[in-house]
Amino acid sequence: MKYSLMLAGAASAVTALSVQAHPPSPPHPPVSPHPPSSPEPLSFRTTLNVNTAKKYQTMIGGGCSGAFGAACSTNSLSTADQQTVVKTLFDENHGALSILRNLIGSSPGTTILPECPATPAGPFNYSFPTSNNDSCQLTLAQGALKNNPDLFLYADAWSAPGCFKTTGEESGGGYICGVRGTNCTEDWREAYANYLIEYVKLYQERGIKVSMLGAYNEPDFNPFTYSAMLSDGYQAYDFLSVFYPMVKKAFPDLAVSCCDSTGARQQRDLLYELGRLGGLDLFDINTYHNYQSDIKRPFDDLLHNQPTIETEWSDGGSTWTHTWDISGNNFEGLQWAIYMHNAFRNNVAGWSHWWCAWNGGDGALVNVNGASYQIAARLWAFSGYFRFARPGAVRIDAETNVEDLYVTAWMNKNGTIAIPVVNAAHYPYTLDVDLSGSKVSHAVSYLTDNEHNVTMDNEFTFKDGRFTAQIEPRAMKTFFLDF
């Protein structure tokens, strides 16, 4: 908020009670021996300690989704621009995203099961949703894989087909028949498990490996307008106890997720219930969204050493925010860099946006407007982390004693080190970095602010694991260190 200061001058009136031949002269202002000067700009110095021996979670990566037709939103662009958008998102030297989240469709025209059988005995006539190549999701996956051979594809269902559920409808909530609290004539849990596994097979037949499979999306939330299915932790146990062994039998290396709740607090509630029944070994990756509650502490106390990914978040508003740091909007790039930092410091191993691209609004990283498009600065916040801390990197300890610097550090498989630093202050910092015990001796820094998008701005060598560098105000700077 900006405040205006109004200076009012007081005027004095002279009453003619007497006549003065020579009215007094106004006093002269005092003469200062030195002209006034502007305050010196602020600049501070701090030490950043990195301990390569103290290790935390392993990086999975950053991502986005092409669900609900969003993957088709770039179709209005030229072929060259479509390819450029996908490259900008997923290429290691650009946006560096490595996670793509697919919707396993359940609505007419998008589902792999166009006709629901009368009973769980079948028949099940599965077919690939050929309309727009699985709502353009297969096309997007192929393009992402071309730019990132290590793509982590997450296939996730928002709902089971309607005939598998208590409501008979695929939208608007309901429960999978067969879990506690339902009163269905048939148990459809095994059928739903097979349905999800079949989607993986159909993608495999088209040359796309699915890395993770999920049965739920926001099971704690009951919308009335789109594909959705409800579950608490106890009901999740009832399904996962059937689903997990079936997945491992079909695809031993395929990870199973649980359970994409609307917020970190809601996910903790679900995990606690699941754990009370002994179900914490029925999934491989803990997944949550960031809508209703941000992560305040690690999930570790509720897990059996599974990694955690935040798999969806945006405000979904109609106002497009593409800037880095102009208004303080929650969806400017600087703010997203801090959100990701807070998640990583709480042992989150991956962070995903909602849509990759869309026609307007902050639901996407790329805004498509007819034949043109615009990239949100949020993507450069992703790149400041994931371009340098690659999948498989391990977070190592990094500490500083000032509150307006946000620092993490990551060691890649080849021994290189990435140190993303976010300066939330309105003044620069001088950083004295101490990596005692490390063999790295060469550094390149990459700056992101209102004028730079992960731009290389300095290169230097150092010895004995110590170097000094600058970070600009309201900026993100990633130091990439090698030998």
Protein backbone atom coordinates (compact mmCIF):
# COMPACT_ATOMS: atom_id res chain seq x y z
CA MET A 1 0.00 0.00 0.00
CA LYS A 2 1.31 3.42 -0.89
CA TYR A 3 0.68 6.41 1.28
CA SER A 4 0.61 10.09 0.22
CA LEU A 5 1.97 12.79 2.46
CA MET A 6 0.23 16.17 2.13
CA LEU A 7 2.16 19.20 3.29
CA ALA A 8 -0.06 22.12 4.16
CA GLY A 9 1.46 25.61 4.35
CA ALA A 10 0.05 27.97 6.96
CA ALA A 11 -0.73 31.49 5.77
CA SER A 12 -0.78 34.36 8.26
CA ALA A 13 -2.96 37.40 7.79
CA VAL A 14 -1.73 40.87 8.74
CA THR A 15 -4.34 43.16 10.31
CA ALA A 16 -3.72 46.86 9.58
CA LEU A 17 -3.82 48.13 13.18
CA SER A 18 -0.84 50.39 12.62
CA VAL A 19 1.14 51.71 9.71
CA GLN A 20 4.76 50.65 9.35
CA ALA A 21 6.96 52.68 7.03
CA HIS A 22 9.33 49.82 6.51
CA PRO A 23 7.84 46.41 7.04
CA PRO A 24 10.37 43.90 8.40
CA SER A 25 12.22 41.79 5.90
CA PRO A 26 11.55 38.03 6.03
CA PRO A 27 14.32 36.08 7.72
CA HIS A 28 16.93 34.48 5.54
CA PRO A 29 17.07 30.68 5.68
CA PRO A 30 20.22 29.33 7.31
CA VAL A 31 22.99 28.41 4.93
CA SER A 32 24.19 24.83 5.29
CA PRO A 33 27.93 24.33 4.81
CA HIS A 34 27.19 21.05 2.97
CA PRO A 35 24.32 20.51 0.51
CA PRO A 36 21.86 17.77 1.51
CA SER A 37 22.62 14.31 0.11
CA SER A 38 20.54 11.20 -0.49
CA PRO A 39 20.89 8.33 2.00
CA GLU A 40 23.42 5.71 1.06
CA PRO A 41 21.76 2.70 -0.60
CA LEU A 42 21.43 -0.29 1.68
CA SER A 43 23.62 -3.30 1.14
CA PHE A 44 24.19 -6.17 3.54
CA ARG A 45 26.57 -9.07 3.89
CA THR A 46 25.93 -12.56 5.21
CA THR A 47 27.53 -15.99 5.33
CA LEU A 48 25.97 -18.97 3.61
CA ASN A 49 27.13 -22.33 4.97
CA VAL A 50 26.68 -25.45 2.84
CA ASN A 51 27.29 -28.87 4.36
CA THR A 52 27.59 -31.58 1.71
CA ALA A 53 27.61 -34.33 4.35
CA LYS A 54 24.11 -33.56 5.64
CA LYS A 55 21.56 -34.89 3.16
CA TYR A 56 17.79 -34.82 2.76
CA GLN A 57 15.33 -35.71 -0.03
CA THR A 58 16.06 -36.68 -3.63
CA MET A 59 14.74 -34.38 -6.35
CA ILE A 60 12.03 -35.72 -8.67
CA GLY A 61 11.42 -32.46 -10.53
CA GLY A 62 8.90 -29.82 -11.53
CA GLY A 63 5.88 -30.24 -13.72
CA CYS A 64 2.52 -29.25 -15.16
CA SER A 65 -0.57 -30.87 -16.67
CA GLY A 66 -2.49 -30.97 -19.95
CA ALA A 67 -5.71 -32.22 -18.32
CA PHE A 68 -9.27 -31.31 -19.41
CA GLY A 69 -8.21 -30.35 -22.92
CA ALA A 70 -5.48 -27.92 -21.84
CA ALA A 71 -3.01 -29.92 -23.93
CA CYS A 72 -5.02 -28.85 -26.99
CA SER A 73 -4.85 -25.14 -26.15
CA THR A 74 -1.73 -24.63 -28.26
CA ASN A 75 -3.43 -25.96 -31.41
CA SER A 76 -4.20 -22.39 -32.52
CA LEU A 77 -0.47 -21.67 -32.73
CA SER A 78 1.71 -22.38 -35.73
CA THR A 79 3.47 -25.73 -35.77
CA ALA A 80 6.77 -24.00 -35.05
CA ASP A 81 5.32 -22.13 -32.07
CA GLN A 82 3.71 -25.29 -30.70
CA GLN A 83 7.10 -26.97 -30.74
CA THR A 84 8.72 -23.91 -29.15
CA VAL A 85 6.21 -23.87 -26.29
CA VAL A 86 6.84 -27.54 -25.46
CA LYS A 87 10.59 -27.02 -25.70
CA THR A 88 10.40 -23.94 -23.48
CA LEU A 89 8.54 -25.95 -20.84
CA PHE A 90 10.46 -29.21 -20.85
CA ASP A 91 13.93 -28.73 -22.34
CA GLU A 92 16.68 -28.98 -19.71
CA ASN A 93 18.17 -25.66 -20.81
CA HIS A 94 14.87 -23.79 -20.70
CA GLY A 95 11.99 -24.42 -18.29
CA ALA A 96 13.50 -27.80 -17.34
CA LEU A 97 10.18 -29.39 -16.28
CA SER A 98 10.35 -33.16 -15.98
CA ILE A 99 6.88 -34.13 -14.66
CA LEU A 100 3.76 -34.29 -16.84
CA ARG A 101 0.45 -35.13 -15.18
CA ASN A 102 -2.17 -36.79 -17.38
CA LEU A 103 -5.88 -37.04 -16.66
CA ILE A 104 -7.24 -40.57 -17.00
CA GLY A 105 -10.55 -39.44 -18.42
CA SER A 106 -13.88 -40.76 -17.17
CA SER A 107 -16.33 -38.58 -19.13
CA PRO A 108 -17.87 -39.57 -22.48
CA GLY A 109 -15.37 -39.18 -25.31
CA THR A 110 -12.36 -39.17 -22.98
CA THR A 111 -12.61 -42.52 -21.22
CA ILE A 112 -10.91 -45.72 -22.32
CA LEU A 113 -14.13 -47.56 -21.41
CA PRO A 114 -16.83 -46.08 -23.69
CA GLU A 115 -19.44 -48.62 -22.57
CA CYS A 116 -19.81 -49.59 -18.93
CA PRO A 117 -20.60 -53.27 -18.31
CA ALA A 118 -23.56 -54.26 -16.15
CA THR A 119 -21.41 -56.12 -13.59
CA PRO A 120 -17.73 -56.30 -12.59
CA ALA A 121 -17.57 -59.55 -14.56
CA GLY A 122 -17.50 -57.50 -17.75
CA PRO A 123 -17.03 -57.53 -20.63
CA PHE A 124 -14.60 -54.59 -20.63
CA ASN A 125 -14.01 -53.30 -24.14
CA TYR A 126 -11.14 -50.87 -23.65
CA SER A 127 -10.05 -48.56 -26.43
CA PHE A 128 -7.64 -45.65 -26.64
CA PRO A 129 -9.51 -42.32 -26.68
CA THR A 130 -8.71 -41.39 -30.27
CA SER A 131 -10.53 -38.05 -30.12
CA ASN A 132 -7.67 -35.54 -30.41
CA ASN A 133 -5.20 -38.22 -29.34
CA ASP A 134 -6.46 -38.54 -25.74
CA SER A 135 -7.48 -34.87 -25.65
CA CYS A 136 -4.00 -34.01 -27.01
CA GLN A 137 -2.36 -35.52 -23.91
CA LEU A 138 -0.54 -38.17 -25.94
CA THR A 139 0.72 -35.50 -28.33
CA LEU A 140 1.96 -33.38 -25.42
CA ALA A 141 3.63 -36.39 -23.80
CA GLN A 142 5.41 -37.23 -27.06
CA GLY A 143 6.66 -33.66 -27.39
CA ALA A 144 7.73 -33.47 -23.76
CA LEU A 145 9.57 -36.80 -24.06
CA LYS A 146 11.38 -35.57 -27.15
CA ASN A 147 12.71 -32.60 -25.16
CA ASN A 148 13.26 -34.54 -21.93
CA PRO A 149 14.09 -38.24 -22.34
CA ASP A 150 13.75 -38.71 -18.57
CA LEU A 151 10.14 -37.52 -18.48
CA PHE A 152 8.20 -38.60 -15.38
CA LEU A 153 4.63 -39.17 -16.62
CA TYR A 154 1.99 -39.23 -13.89
CA ALA A 155 -1.30 -40.80 -15.01
CA ASP A 156 -4.01 -39.83 -12.54
CA ALA A 157 -7.77 -40.41 -12.40
CA TRP A 158 -10.20 -37.80 -11.15
CA SER A 159 -12.96 -40.39 -10.98
CA ALA A 160 -13.84 -43.97 -11.77
CA PRO A 161 -16.42 -44.55 -14.51
CA GLY A 162 -19.93 -43.84 -13.25
CA CYS A 163 -21.04 -47.46 -13.19
CA PHE A 164 -18.22 -48.25 -10.71
CA LYS A 165 -19.53 -45.70 -8.18
CA THR A 166 -22.29 -45.21 -5.64
CA THR A 167 -23.80 -42.34 -7.63
CA GLY A 168 -23.78 -44.00 -11.04
CA GLU A 169 -22.24 -40.76 -12.37
CA GLU A 170 -18.61 -39.97 -13.06
CA SER A 171 -18.95 -36.34 -11.96
CA GLY A 172 -20.02 -34.73 -8.73
CA GLY A 173 -18.45 -36.99 -6.12
CA GLY A 174 -19.62 -40.43 -5.03
CA TYR A 175 -17.53 -43.39 -3.83
CA ILE A 176 -16.01 -46.42 -5.48
CA CYS A 177 -18.30 -49.35 -4.77
CA GLY A 178 -16.80 -51.83 -2.33
CA VAL A 179 -15.13 -49.49 0.17
CA ARG A 180 -16.58 -49.08 3.66
CA GLY A 181 -19.61 -46.83 3.88
CA THR A 182 -21.01 -47.90 0.52
CA ASN A 183 -24.03 -50.12 -0.03
CA CYS A 184 -23.62 -51.27 -3.63
CA THR A 185 -24.83 -54.58 -5.00
CA GLU A 186 -21.38 -55.23 -6.50
CA ASP A 187 -17.75 -54.62 -5.49
CA TRP A 188 -16.04 -52.65 -8.28
CA ARG A 189 -12.62 -52.14 -6.67
CA GLU A 190 -10.80 -54.74 -8.76
CA ALA A 191 -12.49 -53.49 -11.91
CA TYR A 192 -11.34 -49.94 -11.15
CA ALA A 193 -7.79 -51.18 -10.54
CA ASN A 194 -7.79 -52.97 -13.90
CA TYR A 195 -9.21 -49.87 -15.58
CA LEU A 196 -6.29 -47.75 -14.34
CA ILE A 197 -3.71 -50.38 -15.26
CA GLU A 198 -5.19 -50.63 -18.75
CA TYR A 199 -4.53 -46.90 -19.32
CA VAL A 200 -0.85 -47.54 -18.59
CA LYS A 201 -0.81 -50.42 -21.08
CA LEU A 202 -2.40 -48.29 -23.81
CA TYR A 203 0.30 -45.64 -23.38
CA GLN A 204 3.02 -48.26 -23.29
CA GLU A 205 1.76 -49.63 -26.62
CA ARG A 206 2.31 -46.12 -28.03
CA GLY A 207 5.87 -45.90 -26.79
CA ILE A 208 5.23 -43.82 -23.67
CA LYS A 209 6.32 -45.10 -20.27
CA VAL A 210 4.10 -44.11 -17.34
CA SER A 211 6.13 -43.51 -14.17
CA MET A 212 3.37 -43.11 -11.60
CA LEU A 213 -0.31 -44.12 -11.42
CA GLY A 214 -2.97 -42.56 -9.21
CA ALA A 215 -6.60 -43.39 -8.40
CA TYR A 216 -7.63 -40.12 -6.73
CA ASN A 217 -7.74 -36.39 -7.26
CA GLU A 218 -8.79 -34.20 -4.32
CA PRO A 219 -10.84 -36.94 -2.65
CA ASP A 220 -11.59 -34.62 0.29
CA PHE A 221 -13.43 -32.12 -1.95
CA ASN A 222 -16.93 -32.56 -3.32
CA PRO A 223 -17.44 -30.54 -6.51
CA PHE A 224 -20.72 -30.74 -8.38
CA THR A 225 -19.64 -29.81 -11.87
CA TYR A 226 -16.78 -32.03 -12.96
CA SER A 227 -15.21 -35.48 -12.67
CA ALA A 228 -14.63 -36.33 -9.03
CA MET A 229 -14.70 -39.13 -6.50
CA LEU A 230 -14.55 -38.99 -2.70
CA SER A 231 -12.52 -40.94 -0.17
CA ASP A 232 -11.18 -40.63 3.33
CA GLY A 233 -8.09 -42.46 4.58
CA TYR A 234 -10.00 -45.53 5.70
CA GLN A 235 -11.74 -45.87 2.32
CA ALA A 236 -8.41 -45.28 0.57
CA TYR A 237 -7.06 -48.26 2.49
CA ASP A 238 -9.94 -50.41 1.24
CA PHE A 239 -9.10 -49.61 -2.38
CA LEU A 240 -5.29 -49.43 -2.17
CA SER A 241 -5.16 -52.85 -0.51
CA VAL A 242 -6.62 -54.21 -3.76
CA PHE A 243 -4.97 -51.79 -6.18
CA TYR A 244 -1.35 -51.81 -5.00
CA PRO A 245 -0.62 -55.55 -5.40
CA MET A 246 -2.38 -55.57 -8.77
CA VAL A 247 -0.19 -52.71 -10.05
CA LYS A 248 3.00 -54.36 -8.81
CA LYS A 249 2.04 -57.61 -10.51
CA ALA A 250 1.42 -55.85 -13.84
CA PHE A 251 4.24 -53.29 -13.65
CA PRO A 252 6.73 -53.89 -10.81
CA ASP A 253 8.52 -50.56 -11.42
CA LEU A 254 5.38 -48.43 -11.69
CA ALA A 255 4.95 -46.11 -8.69
CA VAL A 256 1.53 -45.79 -7.02
CA SER A 257 0.52 -42.40 -5.63
CA CYS A 258 -1.64 -41.44 -2.69
CA CYS A 259 -3.80 -39.37 -2.74
CA ASP A 260 -3.71 -35.78 -4.13
CA SER A 261 -5.69 -34.09 -1.34
CA THR A 262 -6.56 -30.41 -1.74
CA GLY A 263 -3.95 -29.24 0.76
CA ALA A 264 -1.07 -30.37 2.95
CA ARG A 265 -3.21 -30.40 6.10
CA GLN A 266 -5.95 -32.40 4.36
CA GLN A 267 -3.35 -34.88 3.11
CA ARG A 268 -2.01 -35.31 6.63
CA ASP A 269 -5.51 -36.18 7.83
CA LEU A 270 -5.90 -38.79 5.10
CA LEU A 271 -2.47 -40.30 5.76
CA TYR A 272 -3.14 -40.49 9.48
CA GLU A 273 -6.33 -42.48 8.88
CA LEU A 274 -4.62 -44.67 6.31
CA GLY A 275 -1.79 -45.35 8.76
CA ARG A 276 -4.14 -46.39 11.55
CA LEU A 277 -5.16 -49.36 9.40
CA GLY A 278 -1.57 -50.22 8.49
CA GLY A 279 -1.84 -48.87 4.95
CA LEU A 280 1.35 -46.81 4.72
CA ASP A 281 3.04 -49.45 2.56
CA LEU A 282 0.28 -49.41 -0.06
CA PHE A 283 1.70 -46.51 -2.08
CA ASP A 284 5.12 -45.35 -3.27
CA ILE A 285 4.84 -41.54 -3.50
CA ASN A 286 2.91 -39.15 -1.28
CA THR A 287 1.04 -36.58 -3.40
CA TYR A 288 -0.85 -33.44 -2.36
CA HIS A 289 -2.09 -30.13 -3.75
CA ASN A 290 -1.48 -26.66 -2.40
CA TYR A 291 -4.96 -25.10 -2.63
CA GLN A 292 -6.47 -25.29 0.84
CA SER A 293 -3.29 -25.37 2.92
CA ASP A 294 0.42 -24.87 2.34
CA ILE A 295 2.95 -27.27 3.80
CA LYS A 296 4.11 -26.23 7.28
CA ARG A 297 6.15 -29.29 8.27
CA PRO A 298 7.43 -32.43 6.56
CA PHE A 299 5.13 -35.40 6.05
CA ASP A 300 7.93 -37.70 7.25
CA ASP A 301 6.25 -38.67 10.53
CA LEU A 302 3.27 -40.07 8.59
CA LEU A 303 5.24 -41.93 5.92
CA HIS A 304 7.40 -45.01 5.55
CA ASN A 305 10.20 -43.09 3.79
CA GLN A 306 8.16 -42.33 0.65
CA PRO A 307 9.02 -39.13 -1.24
CA THR A 308 6.45 -36.32 -1.52
CA ILE A 309 5.36 -34.37 -4.61
CA GLU A 310 3.05 -31.37 -4.69
CA THR A 311 1.19 -32.31 -7.89
CA GLU A 312 -1.12 -29.36 -8.61
CA TRP A 313 -1.55 -25.71 -7.78
CA SER A 314 -2.63 -22.40 -9.31
CA ASP A 315 -5.28 -19.87 -8.43
CA GLY A 316 -7.27 -20.59 -11.60
CA GLY A 317 -8.26 -16.93 -11.75
CA SER A 318 -9.15 -15.10 -14.93
CA THR A 319 -6.47 -12.42 -14.51
CA TRP A 320 -3.24 -13.35 -16.23
CA THR A 321 -0.10 -12.71 -14.18
CA HIS A 322 3.10 -12.97 -16.21
CA THR A 323 5.43 -10.72 -14.22
CA TRP A 324 8.30 -11.54 -11.87
CA ASP A 325 7.86 -8.89 -9.17
CA ILE A 326 5.71 -5.85 -9.90
CA SER A 327 2.58 -5.95 -7.74
CA GLY A 328 3.27 -8.57 -5.08
CA ASN A 329 0.63 -10.85 -6.63
CA ASN A 330 0.79 -14.38 -5.23
CA PHE A 331 1.33 -15.73 -8.73
CA GLU A 332 4.28 -13.59 -9.70
CA GLY A 333 7.50 -15.47 -10.28
CA LEU A 334 9.28 -14.29 -7.13
CA GLN A 335 6.46 -15.55 -4.93
CA TRP A 336 6.48 -18.94 -6.67
CA ALA A 337 10.21 -19.25 -6.09
CA ILE A 338 9.56 -18.76 -2.37
CA TYR A 339 6.65 -21.24 -2.34
CA MET A 340 8.90 -23.88 -3.87
CA HIS A 341 11.71 -23.06 -1.44
CA ASN A 342 9.36 -23.57 1.53
CA ALA A 343 8.22 -26.90 0.12
CA PHE A 344 11.77 -28.10 -0.48
CA ARG A 345 12.81 -27.14 3.04
CA ASN A 346 9.96 -29.38 4.20
CA ASN A 347 11.39 -32.33 2.24
CA VAL A 348 9.08 -32.08 -0.79
CA ALA A 349 10.80 -33.72 -3.77
CA GLY A 350 8.76 -32.25 -6.64
CA TRP A 351 6.50 -29.31 -7.37
CA SER A 352 3.91 -29.08 -10.16
CA HIS A 353 1.85 -26.27 -11.55
CA TRP A 354 -1.70 -26.90 -12.76
CA TRP A 355 -1.91 -26.48 -16.54
CA CYS A 356 1.10 -26.24 -18.82
CA ALA A 357 -0.77 -23.96 -21.24
CA TRP A 358 -4.28 -22.52 -21.41
CA ASN A 359 -6.32 -19.76 -23.00
CA GLY A 360 -6.12 -17.09 -20.31
CA GLY A 361 -5.88 -16.88 -16.53
CA ASP A 362 -3.30 -17.92 -14.00
CA GLY A 363 -4.12 -21.61 -14.28
CA ALA A 364 -1.25 -22.02 -16.74
CA LEU A 365 2.43 -21.31 -17.23
CA VAL A 366 1.82 -20.35 -20.86
CA ASN A 367 -1.06 -18.11 -21.90
CA VAL A 368 -2.27 -18.82 -25.44
CA ASN A 369 -4.19 -16.06 -27.20
CA GLY A 370 -5.10 -17.14 -30.71
CA ALA A 371 -1.92 -17.24 -32.77
CA SER A 372 0.27 -15.77 -30.03
CA TYR A 373 1.42 -16.84 -26.59
CA GLN A 374 3.10 -15.45 -23.48
CA ILE A 375 5.29 -17.15 -20.86
CA ALA A 376 4.67 -16.52 -17.15
CA ALA A 377 7.70 -15.59 -15.05
CA ARG A 378 6.65 -18.48 -12.80
CA LEU A 379 8.31 -20.77 -15.34
CA TRP A 380 11.65 -19.05 -14.73
CA ALA A 381 11.24 -19.69 -11.01
CA PHE A 382 10.85 -23.39 -11.88
CA SER A 383 13.90 -23.18 -14.13
CA GLY A 384 15.98 -21.52 -11.39
CA TYR A 385 15.60 -24.75 -9.43
CA PHE A 386 15.09 -27.60 -11.89
CA ARG A 387 17.49 -26.57 -14.62
CA PHE A 388 20.36 -27.01 -12.19
CA ALA A 389 19.10 -29.44 -9.54
CA ARG A 390 18.25 -32.26 -11.90
CA PRO A 391 16.10 -35.32 -11.09
CA GLY A 392 18.15 -37.50 -8.78
CA ALA A 393 19.89 -34.56 -7.10
CA VAL A 394 20.00 -34.77 -3.30
CA ARG A 395 19.26 -31.74 -1.15
CA ILE A 396 22.17 -30.90 1.13
CA ASP A 397 22.20 -28.60 4.10
CA ALA A 398 22.37 -24.85 3.40
CA GLU A 399 21.93 -22.23 6.10
CA THR A 400 22.09 -18.47 6.51
CA ASN A 401 21.16 -16.35 9.51
CA VAL A 402 19.08 -13.71 7.70
CA GLU A 403 15.35 -14.03 7.23
CA ASP A 404 14.88 -12.43 3.81
CA LEU A 405 17.18 -14.84 1.99
CA TYR A 406 15.76 -18.23 0.98
CA VAL A 407 18.47 -20.78 0.29
CA THR A 408 18.57 -24.46 -0.67
CA ALA A 409 21.45 -26.50 -2.06
CA TRP A 410 21.45 -29.66 -4.15
CA MET A 411 24.14 -32.14 -5.17
CA ASN A 412 23.63 -33.79 -8.54
CA LYS A 413 24.56 -37.38 -9.31
CA ASN A 414 27.78 -36.23 -11.01
CA GLY A 415 28.88 -34.19 -8.00
CA THR A 416 27.97 -30.76 -9.34
CA ILE A 417 26.15 -28.51 -6.89
CA ALA A 418 23.25 -26.11 -7.41
CA ILE A 419 22.57 -23.35 -4.87
CA PRO A 420 19.33 -21.47 -5.66
CA VAL A 421 19.08 -18.27 -3.59
CA VAL A 422 15.97 -16.05 -3.46
CA ASN A 423 16.47 -12.52 -2.16
CA ALA A 424 13.14 -11.14 -0.94
CA ALA A 425 14.78 -7.94 0.34
CA HIS A 426 14.66 -4.62 -1.50
CA TYR A 427 18.45 -4.33 -1.31
CA PRO A 428 21.36 -6.48 -2.47
CA TYR A 429 23.32 -8.96 -0.42
CA THR A 430 26.96 -9.95 -0.52
CA LEU A 431 27.17 -13.69 0.10
CA ASP A 432 30.20 -15.33 1.63
CA VAL A 433 29.64 -18.95 0.68
CA ASP A 434 31.43 -21.72 2.57
CA LEU A 435 31.42 -25.21 1.05
CA SER A 436 34.20 -26.59 3.18
CA GLY A 437 35.00 -30.17 2.26
CA SER A 438 33.71 -29.88 -1.31
CA LYS A 439 35.93 -30.31 -4.36
CA VAL A 440 34.01 -27.89 -6.60
CA SER A 441 36.12 -24.93 -7.74
CA HIS A 442 34.21 -23.27 -10.58
CA ALA A 443 30.93 -21.33 -10.42
CA VAL A 444 28.47 -19.84 -12.88
CA SER A 445 25.63 -17.67 -11.61
CA TYR A 446 22.24 -17.24 -13.31
CA LEU A 447 20.02 -14.27 -12.51
CA THR A 448 16.21 -14.02 -12.62
CA ASP A 449 14.44 -10.73 -11.88
CA ASN A 450 12.25 -8.24 -13.73
CA GLU A 451 14.85 -7.90 -16.50
CA HIS A 452 16.45 -11.37 -16.59
CA ASN A 453 15.13 -14.88 -17.17
CA VAL A 454 17.69 -17.30 -15.74
CA THR A 455 20.42 -15.30 -17.46
CA MET A 456 24.09 -16.14 -16.97
CA ASP A 457 25.66 -13.10 -15.31
CA ASN A 458 28.99 -14.19 -13.82
CA GLU A 459 31.58 -16.93 -13.97
CA PHE A 460 34.48 -17.37 -11.57
CA THR A 461 36.85 -19.86 -10.01
CA PHE A 462 37.65 -20.28 -6.34
CA LYS A 463 39.52 -22.59 -4.01
CA ASP A 464 39.14 -24.25 -0.61
CA GLY A 465 35.36 -24.36 -1.02
CA ARG A 466 34.83 -20.64 -0.45
CA PHE A 467 33.65 -17.87 -2.71
CA THR A 468 31.99 -14.47 -2.49
CA ALA A 469 29.17 -13.32 -4.76
CA GLN A 470 26.37 -10.78 -5.03
CA ILE A 471 22.62 -11.24 -5.31
CA GLU A 472 20.39 -8.44 -6.52
CA PRO A 473 17.23 -7.28 -4.67
CA ARG A 474 13.92 -9.09 -5.31
CA ALA A 475 15.72 -11.65 -7.39
CA MET A 476 16.56 -15.31 -7.67
CA LYS A 477 20.13 -16.31 -8.42
CA THR A 478 21.26 -19.88 -8.89
CA PHE A 479 24.92 -20.73 -8.44
CA PHE A 480 25.95 -23.80 -10.39
CA LEU A 481 29.22 -25.26 -9.15
CA ASP A 482 31.41 -27.81 -10.88
CA PHE A 483 35.06 -28.88 -10.97
